[in-house]
Amino acid sequence: MQPRDYQQATLDRVLLEKHDGFGLFYEQRTGKTPLSLFLSRDWDCHHNLVVCPKKAIPVWENKISEMGLNPQEWTIITYSRARIDRVSLSKVRWDLVIADESHYIKERSSSQTKALWSIGRRAKKRLALSGSPQGD
């Protein structure tokens, strides 16, 4: 699987930057999941966490398989599981933490947002993904 032209342009830009966190705010159905997996590969990440809605878990599992990545290098959980397991997940030094559908953590005072902040704090790289339209 190869990146589409617009995904490659994003990959090139992100890989040039020296930041450890990025937001990918593409429209729905434009390939944020594969783009994230391309980045994990290019960053050489082998201990990864994806936090996403329950309905997105099979999408992540399928894309990881399609791209030939090792599924054992990926932990995929729901936002509620992240909130419940916040303490133990926060102790892990993840290579990459991905918040899929990151609008689920837009309220900074919510326990869900605080859990993701705590979990991602020690990660080497972080990605926030959202395809949901945002108002002005």
Protein backbone atom coordinates (compact mmCIF):
# COMPACT_ATOMS: atom_id res chain seq x y z
CA MET A 1 0.00 0.00 0.00
CA GLN A 2 1.35 3.37 -1.05
CA PRO A 3 0.26 6.83 0.13
CA ARG A 4 -1.91 8.92 -2.13
CA ASP A 5 -0.35 12.15 -3.42
CA TYR A 6 -1.96 14.39 -0.78
CA GLN A 7 -1.02 11.88 1.95
CA GLN A 8 2.59 11.86 0.70
CA ALA A 9 2.67 15.65 0.85
CA THR A 10 1.55 15.48 4.49
CA LEU A 11 4.06 12.72 5.25
CA ASP A 12 6.87 14.78 3.76
CA ARG A 13 5.90 17.84 5.76
CA VAL A 14 5.44 16.01 9.07
CA LEU A 15 8.68 14.06 8.68
CA LEU A 16 10.61 17.32 8.14
CA GLU A 17 9.27 18.80 11.37
CA LYS A 18 10.95 18.03 14.68
CA HIS A 19 7.74 18.14 16.73
CA ASP A 20 6.47 15.14 18.66
CA GLY A 21 2.77 15.83 18.21
CA PHE A 22 0.59 16.54 15.20
CA GLY A 23 -3.08 16.93 14.32
CA LEU A 24 -4.40 15.38 11.13
CA PHE A 25 -7.71 17.05 10.38
CA TYR A 26 -8.68 15.66 6.98
CA GLU A 27 -12.26 15.30 5.87
CA GLN A 28 -14.03 12.01 6.51
CA ARG A 29 -13.00 9.03 4.36
CA THR A 30 -9.74 10.62 3.17
CA GLY A 31 -7.32 8.15 4.73
CA LYS A 32 -6.29 9.39 8.15
CA THR A 33 -5.83 5.83 9.42
CA PRO A 34 -3.39 4.75 6.68
CA LEU A 35 -1.59 8.09 6.94
CA SER A 36 -1.09 7.47 10.67
CA LEU A 37 0.24 3.99 9.93
CA PHE A 38 2.65 5.34 7.31
CA LEU A 39 3.92 7.80 9.93
CA SER A 40 4.32 5.04 12.54
CA ARG A 41 6.37 3.07 10.03
CA ASP A 42 8.52 6.04 9.05
CA TRP A 43 9.07 7.03 12.69
CA ASP A 44 10.03 3.39 13.45
CA CYS A 45 7.38 3.05 16.18
CA HIS A 46 6.93 -0.45 17.61
CA HIS A 47 4.94 0.12 20.81
CA ASN A 48 1.77 1.92 19.79
CA LEU A 49 -1.56 2.83 21.33
CA VAL A 50 -4.68 3.82 19.42
CA VAL A 51 -7.60 5.24 21.38
CA CYS A 52 -10.75 5.33 19.31
CA PRO A 53 -14.51 4.74 19.35
CA LYS A 54 -15.53 1.08 19.53
CA LYS A 55 -16.79 1.07 15.94
CA ALA A 56 -13.32 2.09 14.67
CA ILE A 57 -11.42 -0.82 16.26
CA PRO A 58 -12.02 -3.21 13.30
CA VAL A 59 -10.96 -0.45 10.88
CA TRP A 60 -7.62 -0.09 12.67
CA GLU A 61 -7.12 -3.85 12.86
CA ASN A 62 -7.84 -4.26 9.14
CA LYS A 63 -5.58 -1.40 8.05
CA ILE A 64 -2.70 -2.65 10.24
CA SER A 65 -3.07 -6.05 8.59
CA GLU A 66 -3.42 -4.61 5.06
CA MET A 67 -0.21 -2.63 5.48
CA GLY A 68 1.70 -5.66 6.70
CA LEU A 69 2.45 -4.17 10.10
CA ASN A 70 2.87 -6.36 13.16
CA PRO A 71 -0.46 -6.38 15.07
CA GLN A 72 1.40 -7.26 18.28
CA GLU A 73 2.98 -3.80 18.19
CA TRP A 74 -0.46 -2.19 18.43
CA THR A 75 -2.82 -1.80 21.35
CA ILE A 76 -6.25 -0.52 20.29
CA ILE A 77 -8.69 0.56 22.98
CA THR A 78 -11.81 2.67 23.40
CA TYR A 79 -11.96 6.05 25.08
CA SER A 80 -13.84 4.53 28.01
CA ARG A 81 -11.10 1.87 28.46
CA ALA A 82 -8.48 4.64 28.41
CA ARG A 83 -10.37 6.45 31.13
CA ILE A 84 -10.72 3.29 33.24
CA ASP A 85 -7.08 2.18 32.77
CA ARG A 86 -5.60 5.67 32.90
CA VAL A 87 -3.14 4.98 35.71
CA SER A 88 -1.58 1.83 34.21
CA LEU A 89 -1.55 3.21 30.65
CA SER A 90 0.10 6.41 31.85
CA LYS A 91 3.07 4.45 33.17
CA VAL A 92 3.87 3.03 29.73
CA ARG A 93 6.46 4.72 27.51
CA TRP A 94 4.60 4.45 24.18
CA ASP A 95 6.37 5.11 20.90
CA LEU A 96 3.16 6.51 19.45
CA VAL A 97 -0.25 7.39 20.89
CA ILE A 98 -3.05 8.12 18.44
CA ALA A 99 -6.31 9.79 19.48
CA ASP A 100 -8.70 8.85 16.66
CA GLU A 101 -11.83 10.96 16.51
CA SER A 102 -10.04 13.46 18.74
CA HIS A 103 -13.18 15.58 19.09
CA TYR A 104 -14.00 13.07 21.87
CA ILE A 105 -11.38 14.87 23.97
CA LYS A 106 -12.19 18.49 23.16
CA GLU A 107 -13.51 19.39 26.64
CA ARG A 108 -10.34 19.93 28.65
CA SER A 109 -11.96 19.43 32.03
CA SER A 110 -13.49 16.02 31.18
CA SER A 111 -12.03 12.86 32.70
CA GLN A 112 -11.67 11.41 29.20
CA THR A 113 -9.51 14.33 28.06
CA LYS A 114 -7.45 14.22 31.23
CA ALA A 115 -6.88 10.49 30.76
CA LEU A 116 -5.60 10.95 27.20
CA TRP A 117 -3.40 13.85 28.25
CA SER A 118 -1.90 11.71 31.00
CA ILE A 119 -1.39 8.69 28.72
CA GLY A 120 0.12 10.71 25.88
CA ARG A 121 2.42 12.78 28.06
CA ARG A 122 5.21 10.17 28.03
CA ALA A 123 4.77 9.08 24.41
CA LYS A 124 7.58 9.76 21.97
CA LYS A 125 5.06 10.80 19.29
CA ARG A 126 1.38 11.77 19.39
CA LEU A 127 -1.27 12.14 16.71
CA ALA A 128 -4.76 13.61 16.98
CA LEU A 129 -7.11 12.61 14.15
CA SER A 130 -10.47 14.07 13.32
CA GLY A 131 -12.67 14.21 10.26
CA SER A 132 -15.55 15.89 12.03
CA PRO A 133 -16.41 19.37 10.82
CA GLN A 134 -15.57 22.05 13.32
CA GLY A 135 -17.61 25.20 13.70
CA ASP A 136 -16.17 28.73 13.84
